[in-house]
Protein backbone atom coordinates (compact mmCIF):
# COMPACT_ATOMS: atom_id res chain seq x y z
CA MET A 1 -64.59 13.68 -29.81
CA VAL A 2 -64.98 16.56 -27.42
CA LYS A 3 -64.42 19.86 -29.10
CA GLY A 4 -61.20 21.67 -28.13
CA ILE A 5 -59.29 18.53 -27.03
CA LYS A 6 -56.65 17.28 -29.44
CA ALA A 7 -56.62 13.55 -30.00
CA GLU A 8 -53.47 11.70 -28.86
CA CYS A 9 -51.79 10.00 -31.79
CA ARG A 10 -49.91 6.81 -30.91
CA PRO A 11 -47.95 4.62 -33.28
CA PHE A 12 -49.11 1.13 -34.01
CA PHE A 13 -46.52 -0.21 -31.47
CA TYR A 14 -46.36 1.92 -28.33
CA PHE A 15 -44.10 1.30 -25.31
CA PRO A 16 -44.27 3.53 -22.19
CA GLU A 17 -40.95 5.29 -21.68
CA HIS A 18 -41.17 5.24 -17.89
CA LEU A 19 -40.91 1.42 -17.94
CA ILE A 20 -37.59 1.34 -19.79
CA PRO A 21 -35.35 1.56 -16.67
CA ASN A 22 -37.26 -1.30 -15.06
CA ILE A 23 -36.98 -3.45 -18.18
CA ILE A 24 -33.22 -2.80 -18.33
CA TYR A 25 -32.88 -3.72 -14.65
CA ILE A 26 -34.82 -6.97 -15.15
CA TRP A 27 -32.79 -7.83 -18.25
CA TYR A 28 -29.53 -7.21 -16.41
CA ASN A 29 -30.57 -9.38 -13.47
CA MET A 30 -31.63 -12.20 -15.83
CA ARG A 31 -28.28 -11.96 -17.58
CA MET A 32 -26.43 -12.10 -14.28
CA GLU A 33 -28.64 -14.81 -12.82
CA GLY A 34 -26.52 -17.81 -11.90
CA LYS A 35 -23.31 -15.80 -12.00
CA LYS A 36 -21.16 -15.53 -8.91
CA THR A 37 -19.55 -12.21 -8.03
CA VAL A 38 -16.13 -11.95 -6.41
CA ALA A 39 -15.36 -8.50 -5.00
CA ILE A 40 -11.73 -7.60 -4.37
CA LEU A 41 -11.40 -4.52 -2.17
CA GLY A 42 -8.05 -2.80 -2.57
CA ALA A 43 -5.50 -2.56 -5.39
CA GLY A 44 -2.38 -3.19 -3.32
CA PHE A 45 -0.14 -6.24 -3.28
CA ALA A 46 -2.85 -8.32 -1.59
CA GLY A 47 -5.40 -7.24 -4.21
CA VAL A 48 -3.74 -7.07 -7.64
CA ARG A 49 -2.06 -10.48 -7.69
CA PRO A 50 -5.17 -12.28 -6.34
CA ALA A 51 -7.28 -10.56 -9.01
CA LEU A 52 -4.92 -11.87 -11.68
CA ALA A 53 -5.10 -15.33 -10.10
CA CYS A 54 -8.92 -15.21 -9.98
CA SER A 55 -9.07 -14.24 -13.65
CA ASP A 56 -6.97 -17.32 -14.48
CA ILE A 57 -8.50 -20.00 -12.25
CA LEU A 58 -12.16 -18.99 -11.93
CA PRO A 59 -14.66 -19.95 -14.65
CA GLU A 60 -16.00 -17.35 -17.06
CA ASN A 61 -19.40 -17.22 -15.38
CA VAL A 62 -17.77 -15.72 -12.27
CA ARG A 63 -17.77 -11.95 -12.25
CA ILE A 64 -14.61 -10.32 -10.77
CA ILE A 65 -14.77 -6.72 -9.57
CA MET A 66 -11.85 -4.76 -8.08
CA VAL A 67 -12.68 -1.67 -6.02
CA ASP A 68 -10.14 0.98 -5.07
CA LYS A 69 -10.29 4.74 -4.58
CA ARG A 70 -7.34 5.15 -6.98
CA ASP A 71 -6.89 3.90 -10.52
CA VAL A 72 -3.24 2.90 -10.05
CA HIS A 73 -1.26 0.19 -8.26
CA THR A 74 1.38 1.76 -6.00
CA LEU A 75 4.85 0.23 -5.70
CA ALA A 76 5.45 1.17 -2.08
CA PRO A 77 8.61 -0.96 -1.57
CA ASP A 78 10.40 1.27 -4.11
CA PHE A 79 9.82 4.54 -2.22
CA HIS A 80 13.43 4.40 -1.05
CA THR A 81 14.61 5.33 -4.57
CA PHE A 82 13.22 8.89 -4.33
CA SER A 83 16.74 10.35 -4.13
CA ARG A 84 17.64 8.98 -7.60
CA ILE A 85 14.61 10.17 -9.53
CA THR A 86 15.44 13.37 -11.41
CA GLY A 87 11.95 14.44 -12.48
CA HIS A 88 10.65 15.04 -8.95
CA GLN A 89 7.46 16.75 -10.15
CA ASP A 90 6.45 13.45 -11.78
CA LEU A 91 7.80 11.37 -8.91
CA PRO A 92 4.42 9.86 -7.88
CA ASN A 93 4.08 8.36 -11.39
CA ALA A 94 7.37 6.52 -10.91
CA TYR A 95 5.74 4.38 -8.24
CA ALA A 96 2.35 3.90 -9.92
CA VAL A 97 1.17 1.37 -12.49
CA PRO A 98 -2.25 2.10 -14.06
CA LEU A 99 -4.70 -0.68 -13.29
CA LYS A 100 -6.01 -0.67 -16.85
CA ASN A 101 -2.57 -1.87 -17.99
CA ILE A 102 -2.55 -4.70 -15.47
CA PHE A 103 -6.07 -5.83 -16.47
CA PRO A 104 -6.35 -4.89 -20.16
CA SER A 105 -8.75 -7.66 -21.19
CA GLY A 106 -11.69 -6.44 -19.13
CA ARG A 107 -11.99 -9.79 -17.34
CA VAL A 108 -11.57 -7.86 -14.09
CA GLU A 109 -13.97 -4.93 -13.77
CA LEU A 110 -12.38 -1.84 -12.23
CA TRP A 111 -14.47 0.36 -9.96
CA GLN A 112 -12.76 3.55 -8.83
CA ASN A 113 -14.51 4.32 -5.58
CA ALA A 114 -13.94 4.32 -1.83
CA VAL A 115 -15.55 1.63 0.30
CA SER A 116 -17.86 3.08 2.94
CA SER A 117 -19.30 0.00 4.65
CA ILE A 118 -19.68 -3.77 4.33
CA HIS A 119 -22.79 -5.69 5.38
CA PRO A 120 -21.95 -9.41 5.52
CA ASP A 121 -25.52 -10.44 6.44
CA THR A 122 -26.89 -9.15 3.13
CA ARG A 123 -23.56 -9.53 1.27
CA LEU A 124 -23.65 -5.87 0.28
CA ILE A 125 -20.83 -3.33 -0.11
CA ILE A 126 -21.71 0.37 0.03
CA MET A 127 -19.43 2.85 -1.72
CA ALA A 128 -18.71 6.39 -0.57
CA GLU A 129 -20.90 7.81 -3.37
CA GLY A 130 -23.81 5.53 -2.47
CA LYS A 131 -23.19 2.92 -5.16
CA GLN A 132 -23.92 -0.65 -4.06
CA LEU A 133 -22.22 -3.92 -4.91
CA HIS A 134 -23.69 -7.32 -4.12
CA TYR A 135 -21.05 -10.03 -3.74
CA ASP A 136 -20.95 -13.77 -3.25
CA TYR A 137 -17.31 -13.84 -2.13
CA CYS A 138 -15.03 -11.03 -1.11
CA ILE A 139 -11.30 -10.44 -0.56
CA TYR A 140 -10.82 -7.63 1.94
CA ALA A 141 -7.40 -6.10 1.18
CA LEU A 142 -7.84 -2.40 1.86
CA GLY A 143 -4.37 -2.15 3.37
CA SER A 144 -3.37 0.20 6.15
CA VAL A 145 -3.00 3.85 7.08
CA PRO A 146 -0.48 5.57 9.37
CA GLY A 147 -1.38 4.99 13.00
CA PHE A 148 -0.73 8.57 14.03
CA GLN A 149 -3.69 8.83 16.37
CA LEU A 150 -1.71 6.59 18.71
CA ILE A 151 0.41 9.69 19.50
CA ASN A 152 -1.17 12.90 20.78
CA GLY A 153 -0.77 15.84 18.45
CA THR A 154 0.83 14.10 15.50
CA GLU A 155 -1.78 15.45 13.13
CA LYS A 156 0.56 18.44 12.86
CA ALA A 157 3.48 16.30 11.65
CA VAL A 158 5.05 17.33 8.39
CA PHE A 159 5.36 14.26 6.15
CA THR A 160 4.85 10.52 5.92
CA PHE A 161 5.99 7.74 3.58
CA THR A 162 2.56 6.38 2.67
CA SER A 163 2.19 7.36 -1.00
CA GLY A 164 4.16 8.64 -3.95
CA GLU A 165 2.62 12.07 -3.49
CA ASP A 166 3.79 12.17 0.15
CA VAL A 167 7.32 11.27 -0.96
CA ARG A 168 7.29 14.00 -3.62
CA MET A 169 6.13 16.64 -1.15
CA MET A 170 8.79 15.59 1.34
CA LYS A 171 11.52 15.73 -1.29
CA ASP A 172 10.41 19.16 -2.56
CA TYR A 173 10.33 20.51 0.98
CA LEU A 174 13.81 19.17 1.74
CA LEU A 175 15.22 20.68 -1.46
CA THR A 176 13.64 24.01 -0.50
CA LEU A 177 15.25 23.80 2.93
CA CYS A 178 18.69 23.02 1.52
CA LYS A 179 18.59 25.81 -1.05
CA GLY A 180 16.75 28.44 0.92
CA LYS A 181 18.03 28.34 4.49
CA TYR A 182 20.93 30.51 5.62
CA PRO A 183 24.09 28.39 5.19
CA LYS A 184 25.24 28.78 8.81
CA ALA A 185 21.90 27.69 10.27
CA PRO A 186 21.80 23.90 10.73
CA ILE A 187 18.87 21.82 9.51
CA ARG A 188 17.46 19.15 11.81
CA ILE A 189 15.54 16.24 10.34
CA ILE A 190 13.73 13.92 12.75
CA ILE A 191 12.40 10.51 11.75
CA GLY A 192 10.01 8.84 14.16
CA GLY A 193 10.19 5.05 13.98
CA GLY A 194 13.09 2.67 13.50
CA GLY A 195 11.26 0.04 11.46
CA PHE A 196 11.78 -0.76 7.79
CA THR A 197 10.18 2.46 6.55
CA GLY A 198 12.04 4.67 9.02
CA CYS A 199 15.45 3.18 8.27
CA GLU A 200 14.94 3.31 4.50
CA ALA A 201 13.72 6.92 4.72
CA ALA A 202 16.72 7.97 6.82
CA ALA A 203 19.18 6.35 4.41
CA GLY A 204 17.40 7.84 1.39
CA ILE A 205 17.49 11.35 2.84
CA SER A 206 21.19 10.96 3.60
CA GLN A 207 21.80 9.87 0.01
CA LEU A 208 19.79 12.81 -1.37
CA ILE A 209 21.78 15.29 0.70
CA ALA A 210 25.05 13.75 -0.51
CA HIS A 211 23.79 14.02 -4.10
CA ILE A 212 23.01 17.72 -3.66
CA ARG A 213 26.43 18.39 -2.19
CA ASN A 214 28.42 16.43 -4.78
CA ASN A 215 26.51 17.08 -8.02
CA ASP A 216 24.79 20.43 -7.55
CA LYS A 217 27.81 21.96 -5.77
CA LYS A 218 25.46 23.77 -3.40
CA ASP A 219 26.69 25.39 -0.21
CA ILE A 220 23.99 23.83 1.92
CA PRO A 221 23.76 24.08 5.71
CA ARG A 222 24.92 21.43 8.14
CA ILE A 223 22.21 18.78 8.38
CA GLN A 224 21.50 16.62 11.41
CA ILE A 225 19.39 13.47 10.96
CA ILE A 226 17.94 11.92 14.12
CA LEU A 227 16.07 8.62 14.12
CA ILE A 228 13.89 8.02 17.19
CA GLU A 229 12.94 4.45 18.11
CA ALA A 230 10.75 3.37 21.04
CA SER A 231 12.48 0.00 21.54
CA HIS A 232 16.13 -0.76 22.29
CA GLU A 233 17.11 -1.57 18.68
CA LEU A 234 16.17 -1.08 15.03
CA LEU A 235 14.04 -3.40 12.89
CA GLY A 236 12.46 -5.31 15.74
CA SER A 237 10.95 -8.06 13.57
CA ALA A 238 14.24 -8.83 11.76
CA ARG A 239 16.97 -11.21 12.86
CA PRO A 240 19.82 -9.96 15.12
CA TRP A 241 22.46 -9.74 12.39
CA VAL A 242 20.14 -7.56 10.28
CA ARG A 243 19.48 -5.20 13.19
CA ASN A 244 23.17 -4.83 13.93
CA ALA A 245 24.14 -4.34 10.27
CA ALA A 246 21.42 -1.71 9.80
CA PHE A 247 22.59 0.21 12.87
CA LEU A 248 26.20 0.22 11.68
CA ARG A 249 25.14 1.32 8.19
CA LEU A 250 23.06 4.24 9.48
CA LYS A 251 25.86 5.24 11.81
CA LYS A 252 28.27 5.27 8.87
CA LEU A 253 25.88 7.58 7.01
CA GLY A 254 26.01 10.00 9.93
CA ILE A 255 22.51 9.28 11.26
CA GLU A 256 22.02 9.57 15.02
CA CYS A 257 19.83 6.82 16.51
CA ARG A 258 18.07 7.36 19.83
CA PHE A 259 16.64 4.22 21.39
CA ASN A 260 14.10 3.68 24.18
CA THR A 261 12.57 7.01 23.23
CA ARG A 262 8.96 7.70 22.37
CA ILE A 263 7.41 10.70 20.65
CA GLN A 264 4.76 12.02 23.03
CA SER A 265 3.46 14.96 21.02
CA VAL A 266 4.28 17.32 18.16
CA ASN A 267 3.43 21.00 18.54
CA GLY A 268 4.69 24.20 16.96
CA GLY A 269 7.65 22.71 15.12
CA LYS A 270 8.85 20.85 18.21
CA VAL A 271 8.84 17.19 19.18
CA HIS A 272 8.19 16.29 22.82
CA ILE A 273 9.84 12.96 23.65
CA SER A 274 9.39 10.57 26.56
CA GLN A 275 12.54 11.66 28.44
CA GLY A 276 11.07 15.12 28.82
CA ASP A 277 13.29 16.72 26.18
CA ILE A 278 11.98 18.99 23.45
CA LEU A 279 13.57 18.82 19.99
CA ALA A 280 12.97 21.52 17.40
CA TYR A 281 12.85 20.24 13.84
CA ASP A 282 12.84 21.56 10.30
CA LEU A 283 11.53 18.34 8.74
CA LEU A 284 9.62 15.57 10.49
CA ILE A 285 8.83 12.15 9.03
CA LEU A 286 6.60 9.85 11.04
CA ALA A 287 6.98 6.13 10.42
CA THR A 288 5.66 4.97 13.77
CA GLY A 289 3.57 2.09 12.51
CA VAL A 290 0.29 1.48 10.70
CA GLU A 291 -3.23 0.37 11.46
CA GLY A 292 -6.11 -0.97 9.42
CA VAL A 293 -8.38 1.26 7.35
CA SER A 294 -11.45 2.48 9.21
CA LEU A 295 -14.78 2.33 7.38
CA ARG A 296 -17.66 4.67 8.09
CA GLU A 297 -19.58 1.84 9.71
CA PRO A 298 -17.99 -1.04 11.65
CA ILE A 299 -18.37 -4.54 10.24
CA SER A 300 -20.93 -6.38 12.35
CA GLY A 301 -19.55 -9.17 14.54
CA VAL A 302 -15.88 -8.38 13.89
CA ASN A 303 -13.60 -7.79 16.87
CA PHE A 304 -10.79 -5.55 15.64
CA ASP A 305 -7.47 -5.58 17.47
CA ASN A 306 -5.90 -2.45 18.95
CA LYS A 307 -4.52 -1.47 15.53
CA ARG A 308 -7.81 -1.87 13.66
CA LYS A 309 -6.68 -5.12 12.05
CA ILE A 310 -9.21 -7.86 11.31
CA PRO A 311 -8.72 -11.36 12.79
CA ALA A 312 -8.65 -14.23 10.30
CA ASN A 313 -8.75 -18.00 10.75
CA PRO A 314 -6.08 -20.35 9.28
CA PHE A 315 -7.94 -20.31 5.95
CA LEU A 316 -7.78 -16.46 5.92
CA GLN A 317 -11.54 -16.17 6.39
CA MET A 318 -12.73 -13.17 8.34
CA ILE A 319 -13.96 -14.16 11.78
CA PRO A 320 -16.94 -14.78 11.90
CA HIS A 321 -17.86 -14.19 8.23
CA LYS A 322 -16.76 -17.16 6.11
CA ARG A 323 -17.45 -15.60 2.69
CA ILE A 324 -14.98 -12.75 3.28
CA PHE A 325 -11.24 -13.40 3.11
CA VAL A 326 -8.68 -11.02 4.63
CA ALA A 327 -5.19 -10.38 3.24
CA GLY A 328 -2.41 -7.83 3.56
CA ASP A 329 -1.68 -5.19 6.17
CA CYS A 330 -5.28 -5.14 7.41
CA ALA A 331 -5.18 -8.81 8.44
CA HIS A 332 -4.50 -10.04 11.98
CA ILE A 333 -3.02 -13.49 11.32
CA TYR A 334 -1.49 -15.44 14.19
CA HIS A 335 1.30 -17.89 13.41
CA GLU A 336 0.98 -20.78 15.83
CA GLU A 337 4.37 -22.33 15.06
CA ARG A 338 6.35 -19.12 15.54
CA GLY A 339 4.11 -17.84 18.30
CA GLY A 340 3.44 -14.38 16.88
CA LEU A 341 1.68 -12.33 14.25
CA VAL A 342 2.63 -12.58 10.59
CA SER A 343 4.58 -9.46 9.60
CA GLY A 344 2.97 -7.14 7.09
CA THR A 345 5.40 -7.36 4.17
CA ALA A 346 4.65 -7.28 0.44
CA HIS A 347 5.89 -10.86 0.12
CA ALA A 348 3.45 -12.07 2.78
CA ALA A 349 0.56 -10.04 1.33
CA ILE A 350 1.01 -11.56 -2.14
CA LEU A 351 0.97 -15.11 -0.77
CA GLN A 352 -2.08 -14.38 1.40
CA GLY A 353 -3.93 -13.05 -1.63
CA HIS A 354 -3.10 -16.20 -3.61
CA VAL A 355 -4.41 -18.44 -0.83
CA ALA A 356 -7.61 -16.38 -0.63
CA ALA A 357 -8.12 -16.68 -4.40
CA ARG A 358 -7.57 -20.46 -4.29
CA ASN A 359 -10.01 -20.86 -1.40
CA ILE A 360 -12.71 -18.91 -3.23
CA MET A 361 -12.27 -21.22 -6.20
CA ARG A 362 -12.50 -24.25 -3.90
CA MET A 363 -15.62 -22.88 -2.17
CA ILE A 364 -17.32 -22.44 -5.54
CA LYS A 365 -16.47 -26.04 -6.44
CA GLY A 366 -17.48 -27.35 -3.01
CA LYS A 367 -13.99 -28.52 -2.06
CA HIS A 368 -12.13 -28.32 1.25
CA LEU A 369 -10.19 -25.11 1.86
CA VAL A 370 -6.41 -24.92 2.07
CA ARG A 371 -4.64 -23.52 5.11
CA TYR A 372 -2.36 -20.53 4.93
CA HIS A 373 1.23 -21.43 5.85
CA PRO A 374 3.33 -18.29 6.28
CA PRO A 375 6.62 -18.54 4.38
CA ALA A 376 10.00 -18.10 6.01
CA PRO A 377 10.54 -14.33 6.49
CA MET A 378 12.44 -12.66 3.67
CA HIS A 379 13.75 -9.13 4.14
CA ILE A 380 15.47 -6.95 1.53
CA ILE A 381 16.29 -3.60 3.12
CA PRO A 382 17.92 -0.89 0.94
CA LEU A 383 19.94 1.54 3.04
CA GLY A 384 21.30 4.16 0.68
CA GLY A 385 23.55 3.97 -2.37
CA TYR A 386 24.25 0.53 -3.76
CA TYR A 387 23.79 -1.08 -0.36
CA ALA A 388 21.07 -3.38 0.88
CA LEU A 389 20.58 -6.17 3.40
CA PHE A 390 19.18 -9.50 2.21
CA ASP A 391 18.04 -12.09 4.73
CA HIS A 392 16.18 -15.28 3.87
CA ARG A 393 16.55 -18.60 5.64
CA TYR A 394 20.28 -19.37 5.60
CA ILE A 395 21.23 -16.65 3.13
CA GLN A 396 22.71 -13.49 4.65
CA ILE A 397 24.00 -10.88 2.20
CA GLU A 398 24.85 -7.21 2.57
CA GLY A 399 26.27 -4.59 0.26
CA ILE A 400 26.01 -4.25 -3.51
CA ILE A 401 24.93 -7.88 -4.01
CA GLY A 402 22.00 -7.31 -1.66
CA TRP A 403 21.13 -4.19 -3.67
CA ALA A 404 21.25 -6.23 -6.92
CA LEU A 405 18.92 -8.82 -5.40
CA LYS A 406 16.54 -6.02 -4.44
CA ARG A 407 16.47 -4.81 -8.03
CA MET A 408 15.91 -8.29 -9.42
CA ASN A 409 13.08 -8.83 -6.95
CA SER A 410 11.42 -5.64 -8.20
CA LEU A 411 11.75 -6.77 -11.83
CA GLN A 412 10.33 -10.18 -11.00
CA TYR A 413 7.25 -8.62 -9.41
CA LEU A 414 6.67 -6.17 -12.26
CA ASN A 415 6.92 -9.03 -14.75
CA SER A 416 4.24 -10.90 -12.80
CA ILE A 417 1.70 -8.10 -13.36
CA LEU A 418 2.81 -6.63 -16.72
CA PRO A 419 4.09 -7.91 -20.06
CA PHE A 420 7.87 -8.20 -19.95
CA PRO A 421 8.65 -5.21 -22.27
CA LYS A 422 6.55 -2.85 -20.15
CA ALA A 423 7.85 -4.35 -16.92
CA LEU A 424 11.46 -3.91 -18.06
CA PHE A 425 10.88 -0.33 -19.17
CA LEU A 426 9.22 0.66 -15.90
CA TRP A 427 11.95 -1.11 -13.95
CA ARG A 428 14.64 0.86 -15.81
CA THR A 429 12.97 4.27 -16.03
CA GLY A 430 10.37 4.41 -13.25
CA ALA A 431 11.59 4.06 -9.71
CA TYR A 432 15.22 3.79 -10.82
CA GLY A 433 15.62 6.47 -13.47
CA THR A 434 13.87 9.46 -15.01
CA ALA A 435 10.28 9.43 -13.86
CA LYS A 436 9.04 11.54 -16.77
CA ALA A 437 9.45 8.70 -19.24
CA ALA A 438 7.78 6.00 -17.21
CA PRO A 439 4.07 6.83 -17.62
CA GLN A 440 4.30 7.27 -21.39
CA VAL A 441 4.97 3.63 -22.28
CA LEU A 442 2.27 2.49 -19.90
CA GLN A 443 -0.60 4.38 -21.51
């Protein structure tokens, strides 16, 4: 031994530490070899129910991964109940169900991350933080975002109805207006869009104002609610009797409807409309439509429509990528029999997700795919108080019975994703009661 150099002492069994990550990677790949991976992008109505279906019908050697930037499932159809919830600081929790309670067994892996890009040629999904996911089959159900860029200047609009947090901020701002403004100065609330969201928002705001006047005994200012619609009537995709009943209901609530009017721009607390008029507002809610989610990189070979929606074939496969299925608000699905696009409702999204899950199972087994047949449109439109419109096939109901059907529909959906005791508790205390109690039972 050379003098001055200390001999290196190694144990009888020596393993280089720098090779450990490689060994783990090889072991993981060997363990996953032969396993198929189904990636479900989005935890909305078109994502949660299909994930539950996949966990039931797909064999155990199929890996199921759900990816969403949030760790909760949002109950968007219940946003109209914001006027009844007393704990407004916890209001977003009233519309949110933690995903870990929907998938408690671990059969569905939950990845909380935002999707950055999809590469169908290599079957690779890139997350916003750089994480990668290799898939064999994919359900693209990322939903939609407000299509405000279709109107110049609307980035300065006040509020939307796209999340529970947006609803809470809108409600807090309205309460501040009612309690803080000089009583003789009127408050003007403008709602852009006479679709389902716009009508439900207008009725909910009217109900909230009535609640403040009757229960809090506040001397609030005179409030004017204006609903602006670009077409000549409300609820363009609904049947004529629904449109007429909704107009009469809003009129009874004191809401002014302006038809054939478009919002051109929003600047400095003023709305510029197509007739050349300028309307000052204290609160603005934009419900002027939605468009598909934009990724950082476009999906190769996909021709998006003018609202960033992705075309799908009758089997709900993304055109031209057959291993990716599209469902929900982001899907451009043409109904040949009715001669139009399938409306983006929660009911339609759930059925589309089920068809996508079945077709993935059939592709794995080498069977023929099933076609998606859109169901007859069903609309349940709550318009303030104990009043709602129900329209399905030959059934036409309005009033308190329609409101009761709306509530039962909500309970039925919650029971399809949660055990009945939790579903019943959330149904009673979440979007219909005190929001503070709802998250506790769901932990």
